[in-house]
Amino acid sequence: MHFTRIGTALLVLMDFADIMLPASKLLKYTHFQTITDYSFGIFFISWIITRHILYFYLLKSVIYESLELIEKKEWLPSEGNFYSLWVWRYFVALFVGLQILLLLWGWLILKVAVKVIIGEGADDVRSESDETEDIQERDANVGLISSSNNPTSN
């Protein structure tokens, strides 16, 4: 018994939404807000489906179905037995830890989705430096920051 099938299924689930996130970020840099919001919506839906619904079924399979496949209760690589009860517990702990991370990231993504729905647009809630730079750029465009008051111009 090896972990190849479970690992492959995990990679497929995790990589699908990872395609949509960079696409949304690239569109944000083009300043096409409507297209960015739609691509973020596609990312959000793919995130929910792959990382919360389908991952839950994978986690359920790892917890219940793979436990039935343990032939021997001990780890004996010389006999080709790489799947023991200890390895199963470790594997389940890692999968549960990943689920906790996915839930935290899902919360951050949900906060961005709410902003998109209320019309504020998709902004990265993790980064504060971009927000500070945006405020300084906006103030400079309005003329609130002059070159003599700007500490970076010295």
Protein backbone atom coordinates (compact mmCIF):
# COMPACT_ATOMS: atom_id res chain seq x y z
CA MET A 1 0.00 0.00 0.00
CA HIS A 2 1.38 3.37 -1.03
CA PHE A 3 0.07 6.91 -0.81
CA THR A 4 0.36 7.65 -4.53
CA ARG A 5 -3.37 7.75 -5.27
CA ILE A 6 -4.18 9.94 -2.30
CA GLY A 7 -1.26 12.26 -3.11
CA THR A 8 -2.30 12.55 -6.74
CA ALA A 9 -5.89 13.30 -5.78
CA LEU A 10 -4.69 15.95 -3.34
CA LEU A 11 -2.49 17.60 -5.98
CA VAL A 12 -5.34 17.71 -8.48
CA LEU A 13 -7.70 19.25 -5.94
CA MET A 14 -5.20 21.86 -4.75
CA ASP A 15 -3.85 22.83 -8.17
CA PHE A 16 -7.15 23.53 -9.89
CA ALA A 17 -7.97 26.65 -7.86
CA ASP A 18 -4.31 27.71 -8.05
CA ILE A 19 -4.74 28.28 -11.78
CA MET A 20 -7.52 30.79 -11.25
CA LEU A 21 -5.84 32.86 -8.52
CA PRO A 22 -2.87 34.07 -10.61
CA ALA A 23 -5.24 34.75 -13.50
CA SER A 24 -7.33 37.00 -11.25
CA LYS A 25 -4.22 38.78 -10.00
CA LEU A 26 -2.96 39.37 -13.54
CA LEU A 27 -6.32 40.82 -14.54
CA LYS A 28 -6.25 43.10 -11.49
CA TYR A 29 -2.96 44.60 -12.69
CA THR A 30 -4.58 45.41 -16.05
CA HIS A 31 -7.11 47.59 -14.18
CA PHE A 32 -10.12 45.86 -15.77
CA GLN A 33 -12.13 45.72 -12.56
CA THR A 34 -15.23 43.98 -13.93
CA ILE A 35 -13.26 41.16 -15.56
CA THR A 36 -11.14 40.88 -12.40
CA ASP A 37 -14.27 40.53 -10.28
CA TYR A 38 -15.68 37.82 -12.56
CA SER A 39 -12.41 35.89 -12.58
CA PHE A 40 -12.27 36.18 -8.80
CA GLY A 41 -15.80 34.77 -8.68
CA ILE A 42 -14.70 31.78 -10.75
CA PHE A 43 -11.71 31.36 -8.43
CA PHE A 44 -13.96 31.56 -5.37
CA ILE A 45 -16.36 28.93 -6.71
CA SER A 46 -13.49 26.62 -7.71
CA TRP A 47 -11.93 27.13 -4.26
CA ILE A 48 -15.15 26.15 -2.47
CA ILE A 49 -15.74 23.11 -4.68
CA THR A 50 -12.19 21.74 -4.72
CA ARG A 51 -10.82 22.74 -1.33
CA HIS A 52 -13.87 22.37 0.87
CA ILE A 53 -16.35 19.99 -0.76
CA LEU A 54 -14.13 17.57 -2.69
CA TYR A 55 -11.30 17.78 -0.15
CA PHE A 56 -13.80 16.81 2.56
CA TYR A 57 -14.54 13.59 0.64
CA LEU A 58 -10.81 12.91 0.27
CA LEU A 59 -10.30 13.52 3.99
CA LYS A 60 -13.21 11.21 4.78
CA SER A 61 -11.66 8.53 2.58
CA VAL A 62 -8.28 8.90 4.30
CA ILE A 63 -9.87 8.64 7.75
CA TYR A 64 -12.31 5.79 7.20
CA GLU A 65 -11.61 3.86 4.01
CA SER A 66 -7.81 3.79 4.15
CA LEU A 67 -7.92 2.46 7.72
CA GLU A 68 -9.51 -0.71 6.37
CA LEU A 69 -6.51 -1.24 4.05
CA ILE A 70 -3.99 -1.65 6.86
CA GLU A 71 -2.92 -5.28 6.63
CA LYS A 72 -0.38 -5.29 9.44
CA LYS A 73 -0.36 -2.96 12.40
CA GLU A 74 3.39 -2.32 12.18
CA TRP A 75 5.67 -0.58 9.73
CA LEU A 76 7.92 -3.14 7.99
CA PRO A 77 9.56 -1.65 4.88
CA SER A 78 11.73 -4.77 4.40
CA GLU A 79 8.53 -6.74 3.81
CA GLY A 80 6.94 -4.02 1.67
CA ASN A 81 4.56 -2.83 4.39
CA PHE A 82 4.79 0.95 4.45
CA TYR A 83 1.30 1.54 5.77
CA SER A 84 0.88 1.06 9.50
CA LEU A 85 -1.46 2.43 12.10
CA TRP A 86 1.17 4.98 13.17
CA VAL A 87 1.64 6.17 9.60
CA TRP A 88 -2.15 6.41 9.20
CA ARG A 89 -2.43 8.60 12.32
CA TYR A 90 0.36 10.87 11.10
CA PHE A 91 -1.25 11.11 7.66
CA VAL A 92 -4.66 11.97 9.14
CA ALA A 93 -3.09 14.63 11.38
CA LEU A 94 -1.45 16.27 8.36
CA PHE A 95 -4.68 16.20 6.38
CA VAL A 96 -6.65 17.71 9.28
CA GLY A 97 -3.97 20.39 9.68
CA LEU A 98 -4.30 21.21 5.98
CA GLN A 99 -8.07 21.44 6.39
CA ILE A 100 -7.62 23.97 9.21
CA LEU A 101 -5.34 26.08 6.97
CA LEU A 102 -7.84 25.84 4.12
CA LEU A 103 -10.62 27.05 6.41
CA LEU A 104 -8.53 30.04 7.51
CA TRP A 105 -7.67 30.92 3.92
CA GLY A 106 -11.29 30.36 2.95
CA TRP A 107 -12.30 32.96 5.55
CA LEU A 108 -9.91 35.51 4.02
CA ILE A 109 -11.23 34.75 0.53
CA LEU A 110 -14.81 35.10 1.78
CA LYS A 111 -13.98 38.57 3.11
CA VAL A 112 -12.74 39.56 -0.35
CA ALA A 113 -15.84 37.99 -1.97
CA VAL A 114 -18.10 40.10 0.25
CA LYS A 115 -16.21 43.23 -0.88
CA VAL A 116 -16.72 42.22 -4.51
CA ILE A 117 -20.43 41.66 -3.96
CA ILE A 118 -20.96 45.04 -2.28
CA GLY A 119 -19.06 46.72 -5.12
CA GLU A 120 -15.69 47.58 -3.58
CA GLY A 121 -13.76 45.26 -5.90
CA ALA A 122 -11.33 42.44 -5.24
CA ASP A 123 -8.46 43.59 -3.03
CA ASP A 124 -5.91 41.45 -1.25
CA VAL A 125 -6.83 41.61 2.44
CA ARG A 126 -3.48 40.12 3.51
CA SER A 127 -1.27 42.98 2.36
CA GLU A 128 -1.18 46.28 4.21
CA SER A 129 1.80 47.76 2.36
CA ASP A 130 -0.10 47.91 -0.93
CA GLU A 131 -2.89 49.80 0.81
CA THR A 132 -0.45 52.33 2.25
CA GLU A 133 1.17 52.82 -1.15
CA ASP A 134 -2.24 53.23 -2.79
CA ILE A 135 -3.21 55.91 -0.25
CA GLN A 136 0.06 57.77 -0.77
CA GLU A 137 -0.32 57.56 -4.55
CA ARG A 138 -3.91 58.82 -4.36
CA ASP A 139 -2.93 61.69 -2.06
CA ALA A 140 -0.03 62.63 -4.34
CA ASN A 141 -2.38 62.70 -7.33
CA VAL A 142 -4.75 65.00 -5.45
CA GLY A 143 -1.84 67.23 -4.43
CA LEU A 144 -2.02 66.58 -0.70
CA ILE A 145 1.60 65.47 -0.53
CA SER A 146 4.09 67.89 -1.93
CA SER A 147 7.67 66.98 -2.73
CA SER A 148 8.92 69.07 0.23
CA ASN A 149 6.68 67.19 2.69
CA ASN A 150 7.44 63.75 1.29
CA PRO A 151 10.19 62.11 3.38
CA THR A 152 11.11 59.74 0.54
CA SER A 153 12.12 62.60 -1.78
CA ASN A 154 15.10 63.66 0.37
